[in-house]
Every structure is written in structure tokens, then in C-alpha cells.
Amino acid sequence: MGDFYEVGGHKMKFKSNVNFNKEPKTGSIFTLKYNSLGISIHKYVGCGDELFLNSKALSIYNYDLETEDFGEAVRKAKEVIMREVKKIREDAYKFYSDTNIEFDRY
């Protein structure tokens, strides 16, 4: 039911939604196993074989990766994920390092 995809010397295991009697790569939803970000790369009904990105933890839903190639989709997904994580890291650091507390009205 799962499939390994090797990138940069490490193997990422994606769980495919395909039936047991078919090749895992022929599925339409590929969920990265053992990952707290809830990452999945999937096809979207009506868009052919175009691949999209979801990440539950980062509130990314149906982000168009603009490719049908799974390897390219993984590379693009990494860029999107890292860009969003960078924003969160910067905001977290600002919050952590700011010692001034102020109140404002809406």
C-alpha cells in the first residue's frame, strides 16, 4: 500500500490510496507517513494528473504544484513547506524575543 521515494539519500515513505492489486504509484492521494505536518500530495478531480499539496499543520489546502511528475511535485512541495515554516519561525522568534506588552483596540 505504501511506496518509497528517495530524495537526497533519505527515503520518504508515501502511503498511496490505491487498491492492493495495483501499483502504488497509480493512486491519486499520497500521504507522507510518520510526519507531523500532515503532508499529502494528491490529484484533484477535474484537473487530470496535475498534483496538489496539502499540509494540515500549515493550513495548506489544494496548493497547485503545477506538475504531473511526482518527483518534481515533491521538490516543489518542499519549497512551499520550507517557505511557510520560515514565516512561522520568524513570527515565533518575534513573539519570543519581544518583552514589551501593549494593548490596542480593535
PDB file of N, CA and C in Angstrom:
ATOM      1  N   MET A   1       0.823  -1.187   0.000  1.00  0.00           N
ATOM      2  CA  MET A   1       0.000   0.000   0.000  1.00  0.00           C
ATOM      3  C   MET A   1       0.864   1.247   0.000  1.00  0.00           C
ATOM      4  N   GLY A   2       2.094   1.140   0.470  1.00  0.00           N
ATOM      5  CA  GLY A   2       2.965   2.303   0.513  1.00  0.00           C
ATOM      6  C   GLY A   2       4.011   2.233  -0.571  1.00  0.00           C
ATOM      7  N   ASP A   3       4.712   3.345  -0.750  1.00  0.00           N
ATOM      8  CA  ASP A   3       5.748   3.417  -1.760  1.00  0.00           C
ATOM      9  C   ASP A   3       6.870   4.274  -1.205  1.00  0.00           C
ATOM     10  N   PHE A   4       8.121   3.882  -1.475  1.00  0.00           N
ATOM     11  CA  PHE A   4       9.254   4.679  -1.049  1.00  0.00           C
ATOM     12  C   PHE A   4       9.639   5.620  -2.175  1.00  0.00           C
ATOM     13  N   TYR A   5      10.041   6.816  -1.813  1.00  0.00           N
ATOM     14  CA  TYR A   5      10.526   7.768  -2.788  1.00  0.00           C
ATOM     15  C   TYR A   5      11.816   8.328  -2.236  1.00  0.00           C
ATOM     16  N   GLU A   6      12.918   8.132  -2.950  1.00  0.00           N
ATOM     17  CA  GLU A   6      14.217   8.535  -2.425  1.00  0.00           C
ATOM     18  C   GLU A   6      14.581   9.925  -2.912  1.00  0.00           C
ATOM     19  N   VAL A   7      14.945  10.787  -1.969  1.00  0.00           N
ATOM     20  CA  VAL A   7      15.379  12.146  -2.281  1.00  0.00           C
ATOM     21  C   VAL A   7      16.562  12.470  -1.388  1.00  0.00           C
ATOM     22  N   GLY A   8      17.657  12.886  -1.957  1.00  0.00           N
ATOM     23  CA  GLY A   8      18.808  13.316  -1.174  1.00  0.00           C
ATOM     24  C   GLY A   8      19.362  12.255  -0.247  1.00  0.00           C
ATOM     25  N   GLY A   9      19.287  10.977  -0.626  1.00  0.00           N
ATOM     26  CA  GLY A   9      19.844   9.923   0.195  1.00  0.00           C
ATOM     27  C   GLY A   9      18.920   9.412   1.286  1.00  0.00           C
ATOM     28  N   HIS A  10      17.807  10.059   1.503  1.00  0.00           N
ATOM     29  CA  HIS A  10      16.843   9.621   2.517  1.00  0.00           C
ATOM     30  C   HIS A  10      15.605   9.096   1.808  1.00  0.00           C
ATOM     31  N   LYS A  11      14.983   8.120   2.417  1.00  0.00           N
ATOM     32  CA  LYS A  11      13.766   7.575   1.816  1.00  0.00           C
ATOM     33  C   LYS A  11      12.550   8.120   2.544  1.00  0.00           C
ATOM     34  N   MET A  12      11.672   8.725   1.781  1.00  0.00           N
ATOM     35  CA  MET A  12      10.394   9.192   2.305  1.00  0.00           C
ATOM     36  C   MET A  12       9.378   8.136   1.929  1.00  0.00           C
ATOM     37  N   LYS A  13       8.552   7.756   2.859  1.00  0.00           N
ATOM     38  CA  LYS A  13       7.551   6.741   2.555  1.00  0.00           C
ATOM     39  C   LYS A  13       6.194   7.419   2.428  1.00  0.00           C
ATOM     40  N   PHE A  14       5.610   7.301   1.250  1.00  0.00           N
ATOM     41  CA  PHE A  14       4.279   7.823   0.978  1.00  0.00           C
ATOM     42  C   PHE A  14       3.286   6.666   0.958  1.00  0.00           C
ATOM     43  N   LYS A  15       2.195   6.854   1.629  1.00  0.00           N
ATOM     44  CA  LYS A  15       1.118   5.872   1.615  1.00  0.00           C
ATOM     45  C   LYS A  15       0.178   6.250   0.479  1.00  0.00           C
ATOM     46  N   SER A  16      -0.086   5.303  -0.397  1.00  0.00           N
ATOM     47  CA  SER A  16      -0.955   5.515  -1.550  1.00  0.00           C
ATOM     48  C   SER A  16      -2.352   4.992  -1.258  1.00  0.00           C
ATOM     49  N   ASN A  17      -3.355   5.624  -1.841  1.00  0.00           N
ATOM     50  CA  ASN A  17      -4.735   5.186  -1.645  1.00  0.00           C
ATOM     51  C   ASN A  17      -5.173   4.121  -2.656  1.00  0.00           C
ATOM     52  N   VAL A  18      -4.255   3.601  -3.443  1.00  0.00           N
ATOM     53  CA  VAL A  18      -4.598   2.639  -4.486  1.00  0.00           C
ATOM     54  C   VAL A  18      -4.964   1.285  -3.866  1.00  0.00           C
ATOM     55  N   ASN A  19      -5.774   0.507  -4.590  1.00  0.00           N
ATOM     56  CA  ASN A  19      -6.139  -0.844  -4.159  1.00  0.00           C
ATOM     57  C   ASN A  19      -4.899  -1.733  -4.104  1.00  0.00           C
ATOM     58  N   PHE A  20      -4.962  -2.789  -3.298  1.00  0.00           N
ATOM     59  CA  PHE A  20      -3.820  -3.674  -3.098  1.00  0.00           C
ATOM     60  C   PHE A  20      -3.339  -4.366  -4.370  1.00  0.00           C
ATOM     61  N   ASN A  21      -4.207  -4.592  -5.328  1.00  0.00           N
ATOM     62  CA  ASN A  21      -3.818  -5.328  -6.531  1.00  0.00           C
ATOM     63  C   ASN A  21      -3.245  -4.419  -7.623  1.00  0.00           C
ATOM     64  N   LYS A  22      -3.020  -3.127  -7.322  1.00  0.00           N
ATOM     65  CA  LYS A  22      -2.479  -2.199  -8.313  1.00  0.00           C
ATOM     66  C   LYS A  22      -1.171  -1.596  -7.814  1.00  0.00           C
ATOM     67  N   GLU A  23      -0.412  -1.043  -8.737  1.00  0.00           N
ATOM     68  CA  GLU A  23       0.858  -0.379  -8.430  1.00  0.00           C
ATOM     69  C   GLU A  23       0.593   0.869  -7.589  1.00  0.00           C
ATOM     70  N   PRO A  24       1.287   1.046  -6.442  1.00  0.00           N
ATOM     71  CA  PRO A  24       1.053   2.195  -5.567  1.00  0.00           C
ATOM     72  C   PRO A  24       1.160   3.550  -6.269  1.00  0.00           C
ATOM     73  N   LYS A  25       2.038   3.647  -7.273  1.00  0.00           N
ATOM     74  CA  LYS A  25       2.234   4.925  -7.975  1.00  0.00           C
ATOM     75  C   LYS A  25       1.017   5.346  -8.790  1.00  0.00           C
ATOM     76  N   THR A  26       0.052   4.433  -8.976  1.00  0.00           N
ATOM     77  CA  THR A  26      -1.132   4.758  -9.774  1.00  0.00           C
ATOM     78  C   THR A  26      -2.251   5.377  -8.928  1.00  0.00           C
ATOM     79  N   GLY A  27      -2.000   5.594  -7.655  1.00  0.00           N
ATOM     80  CA  GLY A  27      -3.007   6.184  -6.774  1.00  0.00           C
ATOM     81  C   GLY A  27      -3.270   7.643  -7.089  1.00  0.00           C
ATOM     82  N   SER A  28      -4.154   8.245  -6.320  1.00  0.00           N
ATOM     83  CA  SER A  28      -4.468   9.658  -6.515  1.00  0.00           C
ATOM     84  C   SER A  28      -4.174  10.498  -5.269  1.00  0.00           C
ATOM     85  N   ILE A  29      -3.927   9.836  -4.136  1.00  0.00           N
ATOM     86  CA  ILE A  29      -3.572  10.527  -2.901  1.00  0.00           C
ATOM     87  C   ILE A  29      -2.344   9.838  -2.306  1.00  0.00           C
ATOM     88  N   PHE A  30      -1.311  10.628  -2.016  1.00  0.00           N
ATOM     89  CA  PHE A  30      -0.062  10.100  -1.469  1.00  0.00           C
ATOM     90  C   PHE A  30       0.247  10.873  -0.189  1.00  0.00           C
ATOM     91  N   THR A  31       0.138  10.201   0.933  1.00  0.00           N
ATOM     92  CA  THR A  31       0.320  10.835   2.235  1.00  0.00           C
ATOM     93  C   THR A  31       1.674  10.450   2.795  1.00  0.00           C
ATOM     94  N   LEU A  32       2.452  11.447   3.193  1.00  0.00           N
ATOM     95  CA  LEU A  32       3.766  11.188   3.769  1.00  0.00           C
ATOM     96  C   LEU A  32       3.583  10.585   5.149  1.00  0.00           C
ATOM     97  N   LYS A  33       4.137   9.402   5.332  1.00  0.00           N
ATOM     98  CA  LYS A  33       3.992   8.700   6.606  1.00  0.00           C
ATOM     99  C   LYS A  33       4.977   9.249   7.626  1.00  0.00           C
ATOM    100  N   TYR A  34       4.611   9.124   8.892  1.00  0.00           N
ATOM    101  CA  TYR A  34       5.472   9.486  10.008  1.00  0.00           C
ATOM    102  C   TYR A  34       5.905  10.945   9.938  1.00  0.00           C
ATOM    103  N   ASN A  35       4.950  11.849   9.722  1.00  0.00           N
ATOM    104  CA  ASN A  35       5.260  13.258   9.595  1.00  0.00           C
ATOM    105  C   ASN A  35       4.202  14.080  10.311  1.00  0.00           C
ATOM    106  N   SER A  36       4.613  14.967  11.204  1.00  0.00           N
ATOM    107  CA  SER A  36       3.668  15.758  11.998  1.00  0.00           C
ATOM    108  C   SER A  36       3.021  16.892  11.218  1.00  0.00           C
ATOM    109  N   LEU A  37       3.505  17.179  10.013  1.00  0.00           N
ATOM    110  CA  LEU A  37       2.934  18.276   9.229  1.00  0.00           C
ATOM    111  C   LEU A  37       1.693  17.861   8.441  1.00  0.00           C
ATOM    112  N   GLY A  38       1.372  16.594   8.441  1.00  0.00           N
ATOM    113  CA  GLY A  38       0.183  16.126   7.722  1.00  0.00           C
ATOM    114  C   GLY A  38       0.270  16.414   6.234  1.00  0.00           C
ATOM    115  N   ILE A  39       1.398  16.077   5.624  1.00  0.00           N
ATOM    116  CA  ILE A  39       1.648  16.381   4.213  1.00  0.00           C
ATOM    117  C   ILE A  39       1.055  15.304   3.316  1.00  0.00           C
ATOM    118  N   SER A  40       0.330  15.760   2.298  1.00  0.00           N
ATOM    119  CA  SER A  40      -0.118  14.845   1.250  1.00  0.00           C
ATOM    120  C   SER A  40      -0.004  15.547  -0.094  1.00  0.00           C
ATOM    121  N   ILE A  41       0.325  14.749  -1.096  1.00  0.00           N
ATOM    122  CA  ILE A  41       0.365  15.206  -2.481  1.00  0.00           C
ATOM    123  C   ILE A  41      -0.709  14.415  -3.192  1.00  0.00           C
ATOM    124  N   HIS A  42      -1.568  15.113  -3.914  1.00  0.00           N
ATOM    125  CA  HIS A  42      -2.733  14.432  -4.478  1.00  0.00           C
ATOM    126  C   HIS A  42      -3.165  15.031  -5.804  1.00  0.00           C
ATOM    127  N   LYS A  43      -3.955  14.252  -6.502  1.00  0.00           N
ATOM    128  CA  LYS A  43      -4.604  14.731  -7.718  1.00  0.00           C
ATOM    129  C   LYS A  43      -5.935  15.334  -7.303  1.00  0.00           C
ATOM    130  N   TYR A  44      -6.438  16.245  -8.124  1.00  0.00           N
ATOM    131  CA  TYR A  44      -7.693  16.925  -7.824  1.00  0.00           C
ATOM    132  C   TYR A  44      -8.683  16.617  -8.942  1.00  0.00           C
ATOM    133  N   VAL A  45      -9.869  16.193  -8.569  1.00  0.00           N
ATOM    134  CA  VAL A  45     -10.882  15.801  -9.558  1.00  0.00           C
ATOM    135  C   VAL A  45     -11.103  16.936 -10.555  1.00  0.00           C
ATOM    136  N   GLY A  46     -11.050  16.591 -11.822  1.00  0.00           N
ATOM    137  CA  GLY A  46     -11.267  17.566 -12.878  1.00  0.00           C
ATOM    138  C   GLY A  46     -10.000  18.241 -13.372  1.00  0.00           C
ATOM    139  N   CYS A  47      -8.854  17.914 -12.761  1.00  0.00           N
ATOM    140  CA  CYS A  47      -7.571  18.536 -13.149  1.00  0.00           C
ATOM    141  C   CYS A  47      -6.594  17.518 -13.724  1.00  0.00           C
ATOM    142  N   GLY A  48      -7.105  16.397 -14.202  1.00  0.00           N
ATOM    143  CA  GLY A  48      -6.240  15.384 -14.803  1.00  0.00           C
ATOM    144  C   GLY A  48      -5.256  14.806 -13.807  1.00  0.00           C
ATOM    145  N   ASP A  49      -3.986  14.733 -14.220  1.00  0.00           N
ATOM    146  CA  ASP A  49      -2.945  14.166 -13.371  1.00  0.00           C
ATOM    147  C   ASP A  49      -2.128  15.240 -12.650  1.00  0.00           C
ATOM    148  N   GLU A  50      -2.566  16.493 -12.728  1.00  0.00           N
ATOM    149  CA  GLU A  50      -1.896  17.600 -12.030  1.00  0.00           C
ATOM    150  C   GLU A  50      -1.871  17.300 -10.527  1.00  0.00           C
ATOM    151  N   LEU A  51      -0.752  17.610  -9.878  1.00  0.00           N
ATOM    152  CA  LEU A  51      -0.584  17.293  -8.462  1.00  0.00           C
ATOM    153  C   LEU A  51      -0.702  18.538  -7.582  1.00  0.00           C
ATOM    154  N   PHE A  52      -1.281  18.343  -6.402  1.00  0.00           N
ATOM    155  CA  PHE A  52      -1.552  19.418  -5.450  1.00  0.00           C
ATOM    156  C   PHE A  52      -0.998  19.035  -4.082  1.00  0.00           C
ATOM    157  N   LEU A  53      -0.773  20.038  -3.251  1.00  0.00           N
ATOM    158  CA  LEU A  53      -0.199  19.839  -1.922  1.00  0.00           C
ATOM    159  C   LEU A  53      -1.199  20.205  -0.840  1.00  0.00           C
ATOM    160  N   ASN A  54      -1.254  19.384   0.197  1.00  0.00           N
ATOM    161  CA  ASN A  54      -1.976  19.695   1.426  1.00  0.00           C
ATOM    162  C   ASN A  54      -1.012  19.521   2.593  1.00  0.00           C
ATOM    163  N   SER A  55      -1.169  20.379   3.612  1.00  0.00           N
ATOM    164  CA  SER A  55      -0.470  20.210   4.888  1.00  0.00           C
ATOM    165  C   SER A  55      -1.423  20.677   5.973  1.00  0.00           C
ATOM    166  N   LYS A  56      -1.931  19.737   6.753  1.00  0.00           N
ATOM    167  CA  LYS A  56      -2.883  20.077   7.810  1.00  0.00           C
ATOM    168  C   LYS A  56      -2.283  21.048   8.808  1.00  0.00           C
ATOM    169  N   ALA A  57      -1.065  20.797   9.261  1.00  0.00           N
ATOM    170  CA  ALA A  57      -0.435  21.620  10.295  1.00  0.00           C
ATOM    171  C   ALA A  57      -0.182  23.049   9.829  1.00  0.00           C
ATOM    172  N   LEU A  58       0.068  23.232   8.528  1.00  0.00           N
ATOM    173  CA  LEU A  58       0.376  24.560   8.000  1.00  0.00           C
ATOM    174  C   LEU A  58      -0.820  25.205   7.303  1.00  0.00           C
ATOM    175  N   SER A  59      -1.971  24.561   7.376  1.00  0.00           N
ATOM    176  CA  SER A  59      -3.200  25.062   6.732  1.00  0.00           C
ATOM    177  C   SER A  59      -3.001  25.333   5.245  1.00  0.00           C
ATOM    178  N   ILE A  60      -2.344  24.411   4.569  1.00  0.00           N
ATOM    179  CA  ILE A  60      -2.175  24.481   3.111  1.00  0.00           C
ATOM    180  C   ILE A  60      -3.132  23.461   2.514  1.00  0.00           C
ATOM    181  N   TYR A  61      -4.016  23.933   1.645  1.00  0.00           N
ATOM    182  CA  TYR A  61      -5.007  23.044   1.046  1.00  0.00           C
ATOM    183  C   TYR A  61      -5.063  23.267  -0.458  1.00  0.00           C
ATOM    184  N   ASN A  62      -4.896  22.198  -1.201  1.00  0.00           N
ATOM    185  CA  ASN A  62      -5.019  22.197  -2.660  1.00  0.00           C
ATOM    186  C   ASN A  62      -4.112  23.222  -3.333  1.00  0.00           C
ATOM    187  N   TYR A  63      -2.875  23.322  -2.870  1.00  0.00           N
ATOM    188  CA  TYR A  63      -1.879  24.200  -3.481  1.00  0.00           C
ATOM    189  C   TYR A  63      -1.415  23.546  -4.776  1.00  0.00           C
ATOM    190  N   ASP A  64      -1.604  24.225  -5.895  1.00  0.00           N
ATOM    191  CA  ASP A  64      -1.269  23.677  -7.203  1.00  0.00           C
ATOM    192  C   ASP A  64       0.247  23.635  -7.385  1.00  0.00           C
ATOM    193  N   LEU A  65       0.799  22.444  -7.506  1.00  0.00           N
ATOM    194  CA  LEU A  65       2.232  22.266  -7.704  1.00  0.00           C
ATOM    195  C   LEU A  65       2.631  22.387  -9.172  1.00  0.00           C
ATOM    196  N   GLU A  66       1.645  22.540 -10.034  1.00  0.00           N
ATOM    197  CA  GLU A  66       1.842  22.796 -11.467  1.00  0.00           C
ATOM    198  C   GLU A  66       2.731  21.762 -12.153  1.00  0.00           C
ATOM    199  N   THR A  67       2.525  20.504 -11.792  1.00  0.00           N
ATOM    200  CA  THR A  67       3.258  19.423 -12.441  1.00  0.00           C
ATOM    201  C   THR A  67       2.475  18.125 -12.295  1.00  0.00           C
ATOM    202  N   GLU A  68       2.756  17.191 -13.194  1.00  0.00           N
ATOM    203  CA  GLU A  68       2.206  15.841 -13.111  1.00  0.00           C
ATOM    204  C   GLU A  68       3.280  14.853 -12.689  1.00  0.00           C
ATOM    205  N   ASP A  69       4.531  15.307 -12.631  1.00  0.00           N
ATOM    206  CA  ASP A  69       5.660  14.462 -12.261  1.00  0.00           C
ATOM    207  C   ASP A  69       5.799  14.433 -10.736  1.00  0.00           C
ATOM    208  N   PHE A  70       5.764  13.242 -10.153  1.00  0.00           N
ATOM    209  CA  PHE A  70       5.778  13.129  -8.696  1.00  0.00           C
ATOM    210  C   PHE A  70       7.082  13.647  -8.086  1.00  0.00           C
ATOM    211  N   GLY A  71       8.211  13.351  -8.701  1.00  0.00           N
ATOM    212  CA  GLY A  71       9.492  13.835  -8.195  1.00  0.00           C
ATOM    213  C   GLY A  71       9.549  15.355  -8.161  1.00  0.00           C
ATOM    214  N   GLU A  72       9.093  15.973  -9.227  1.00  0.00           N
ATOM    215  CA  GLU A  72       9.050  17.435  -9.288  1.00  0.00           C
ATOM    216  C   GLU A  72       8.055  17.984  -8.266  1.00  0.00           C
ATOM    217  N   ALA A  73       6.939  17.292  -8.086  1.00  0.00           N
ATOM    218  CA  ALA A  73       5.937  17.717  -7.104  1.00  0.00           C
ATOM    219  C   ALA A  73       6.529  17.707  -5.693  1.00  0.00           C
ATOM    220  N   VAL A  74       7.311  16.680  -5.376  1.00  0.00           N
ATOM    221  CA  VAL A  74       7.944  16.597  -4.060  1.00  0.00           C
ATOM    222  C   VAL A  74       8.915  17.757  -3.875  1.00  0.00           C
ATOM    223  N   ARG A  75       9.723  18.054  -4.899  1.00  0.00           N
ATOM    224  CA  ARG A  75      10.673  19.175  -4.799  1.00  0.00           C
ATOM    225  C   ARG A  75       9.942  20.498  -4.587  1.00  0.00           C
ATOM    226  N   LYS A  76       8.873  20.732  -5.336  1.00  0.00           N
ATOM    227  CA  LYS A  76       8.105  21.972  -5.191  1.00  0.00           C
ATOM    228  C   LYS A  76       7.409  22.034  -3.833  1.00  0.00           C
ATOM    229  N   ALA A  77       6.892  20.899  -3.391  1.00  0.00           N
ATOM    230  CA  ALA A  77       6.224  20.847  -2.086  1.00  0.00           C
ATOM    231  C   ALA A  77       7.204  21.201  -0.972  1.00  0.00           C
ATOM    232  N   LYS A  78       8.436  20.722  -1.083  1.00  0.00           N
ATOM    233  CA  LYS A  78       9.458  21.051  -0.080  1.00  0.00           C
ATOM    234  C   LYS A  78       9.689  22.551  -0.012  1.00  0.00           C
ATOM    235  N   GLU A  79       9.733  23.198  -1.176  1.00  0.00           N
ATOM    236  CA  GLU A  79       9.944  24.650  -1.218  1.00  0.00           C
ATOM    237  C   GLU A  79       8.791  25.383  -0.534  1.00  0.00           C
ATOM    238  N   VAL A  80       7.568  24.969  -0.816  1.00  0.00           N
ATOM    239  CA  VAL A  80       6.389  25.603  -0.222  1.00  0.00           C
ATOM    240  C   VAL A  80       6.391  25.401   1.286  1.00  0.00           C
ATOM    241  N   ILE A  81       6.634  24.168   1.713  1.00  0.00           N
ATOM    242  CA  ILE A  81       6.646  23.851   3.147  1.00  0.00           C
ATOM    243  C   ILE A  81       7.714  24.671   3.860  1.00  0.00           C
ATOM    244  N   MET A  82       8.920  24.720   3.308  1.00  0.00           N
ATOM    245  CA  MET A  82      10.001  25.456   3.966  1.00  0.00           C
ATOM    246  C   MET A  82       9.725  26.955   4.002  1.00  0.00           C
ATOM    247  N   ARG A  83       9.095  27.490   2.978  1.00  0.00           N
ATOM    248  CA  ARG A  83       8.732  28.912   2.971  1.00  0.00           C
ATOM    249  C   ARG A  83       7.740  29.213   4.090  1.00  0.00           C
ATOM    250  N   GLU A  84       6.747  28.350   4.266  1.00  0.00           N
ATOM    251  CA  GLU A  84       5.749  28.551   5.312  1.00  0.00           C
ATOM    252  C   GLU A  84       6.346  28.355   6.707  1.00  0.00           C
ATOM    253  N   VAL A  85       7.219  27.363   6.851  1.00  0.00           N
ATOM    254  CA  VAL A  85       7.870  27.125   8.141  1.00  0.00           C
ATOM    255  C   VAL A  85       8.765  28.308   8.497  1.00  0.00           C
ATOM    256  N   LYS A  86       9.438  28.873   7.507  1.00  0.00           N
ATOM    257  CA  LYS A  86      10.291  30.048   7.753  1.00  0.00           C
ATOM    258  C   LYS A  86       9.467  31.202   8.305  1.00  0.00           C
ATOM    259  N   LYS A  87       8.284  31.447   7.731  1.00  0.00           N
ATOM    260  CA  LYS A  87       7.402  32.511   8.223  1.00  0.00           C
ATOM    261  C   LYS A  87       7.008  32.249   9.679  1.00  0.00           C
ATOM    262  N   ILE A  88       6.659  31.028   9.973  1.00  0.00           N
ATOM    263  CA  ILE A  88       6.255  30.672  11.342  1.00  0.00           C
ATOM    264  C   ILE A  88       7.427  30.835  12.296  1.00  0.00           C
ATOM    265  N   ARG A  89       8.601  30.402  11.881  1.00  0.00           N
ATOM    266  CA  ARG A  89       9.796  30.520  12.715  1.00  0.00           C
ATOM    267  C   ARG A  89      10.108  31.990  13.007  1.00  0.00           C
ATOM    268  N   GLU A  90      10.002  32.851  11.995  1.00  0.00           N
ATOM    269  CA  GLU A  90      10.256  34.284  12.184  1.00  0.00           C
ATOM    270  C   GLU A  90       9.237  34.902  13.139  1.00  0.00           C
ATOM    271  N   ASP A  91       7.963  34.577  12.956  1.00  0.00           N
ATOM    272  CA  ASP A  91       6.926  35.105  13.845  1.00  0.00           C
ATOM    273  C   ASP A  91       7.099  34.591  15.267  1.00  0.00           C
ATOM    274  N   ALA A  92       7.470  33.329  15.413  1.00  0.00           N
ATOM    275  CA  ALA A  92       7.685  32.756  16.741  1.00  0.00           C
ATOM    276  C   ALA A  92       8.858  33.447  17.438  1.00  0.00           C
ATOM    277  N   TYR A  93       9.917  33.719  16.688  1.00  0.00           N
ATOM    278  CA  TYR A  93      11.069  34.389  17.276  1.00  0.00           C
ATOM    279  C   TYR A  93      10.703  35.810  17.715  1.00  0.00           C
ATOM    280  N   LYS A  94       9.939  36.530  16.877  1.00  0.00           N
ATOM    281  CA  LYS A  94       9.495  37.880  17.250  1.00  0.00           C
ATOM    282  C   LYS A  94       8.688  37.830  18.539  1.00  0.00           C
ATOM    283  N   PHE A  95       7.780  36.894  18.632  1.00  0.00           N
ATOM    284  CA  PHE A  95       6.955  36.747  19.831  1.00  0.00           C
ATOM    285  C   PHE A  95       7.820  36.424  21.043  1.00  0.00           C
ATOM    286  N   TYR A  96       8.728  35.492  20.871  1.00  0.00           N
ATOM    287  CA  TYR A  96       9.582  35.044  21.971  1.00  0.00           C
ATOM    288  C   TYR A  96      10.502  36.155  22.470  1.00  0.00           C
ATOM    289  N   SER A  97      11.065  36.925  21.558  1.00  0.00           N
ATOM    290  CA  SER A  97      12.082  37.904  21.935  1.00  0.00           C
ATOM    291  C   SER A  97      11.510  39.259  22.347  1.00  0.00           C
ATOM    292  N   ASP A  98      10.247  39.532  22.054  1.00  0.00           N
ATOM    293  CA  ASP A  98       9.646  40.823  22.398  1.00  0.00           C
ATOM    294  C   ASP A  98       9.206  40.810  23.859  1.00  0.00           C
ATOM    295  N   THR A  99       9.739  41.762  24.628  1.00  0.00           N
ATOM    296  CA  THR A  99       9.387  41.843  26.052  1.00  0.00           C
ATOM    297  C   THR A  99       8.413  42.976  26.343  1.00  0.00           C
ATOM    298  N   ASN A 100       8.061  43.750  25.339  1.00  0.00           N
ATOM    299  CA  ASN A 100       7.133  44.856  25.515  1.00  0.00           C
ATOM    300  C   ASN A 100       5.701  44.384  25.320  1.00  0.00           C
ATOM    301  N   ILE A 101       4.887  44.602  26.315  1.00  0.00           N
ATOM    302  CA  ILE A 101       3.481  44.233  26.217  1.00  0.00           C
ATOM    303  C   ILE A 101       2.662  45.509  26.084  1.00  0.00           C
ATOM    304  N   GLU A 102       1.872  45.561  25.072  1.00  0.00           N
ATOM    305  CA  GLU A 102       0.991  46.720  24.839  1.00  0.00           C
ATOM    306  C   GLU A 102      -0.396  46.206  24.497  1.00  0.00           C
ATOM    307  N   PHE A 103      -1.389  47.051  24.756  1.00  0.00           N
ATOM    308  CA  PHE A 103      -2.761  46.730  24.401  1.00  0.00           C
ATOM    309  C   PHE A 103      -3.246  47.740  23.383  1.00  0.00           C
ATOM    310  N   ASP A 104      -4.128  47.306  22.515  1.00  0.00           N
ATOM    311  CA  ASP A 104      -4.692  48.179  21.495  1.00  0.00           C
ATOM    312  C   ASP A 104      -6.151  47.811  21.324  1.00  0.00           C
ATOM    313  N   ARG A 105      -6.900  48.710  20.783  1.00  0.00           N
ATOM    314  CA  ARG A 105      -8.328  48.438  20.486  1.00  0.00           C
ATOM    315  C   ARG A 105      -8.457  47.862  19.078  1.00  0.00           C
ATOM    316  N   TYR A 106      -9.513  47.151  18.872  1.00  0.00           N
ATOM    317  CA  TYR A 106      -9.778  46.595  17.544  1.00  0.00           C
ATOM    318  C   TYR A 106     -10.074  47.665  16.599  1.00  0.00           C
TER     319      TYR A 106
END
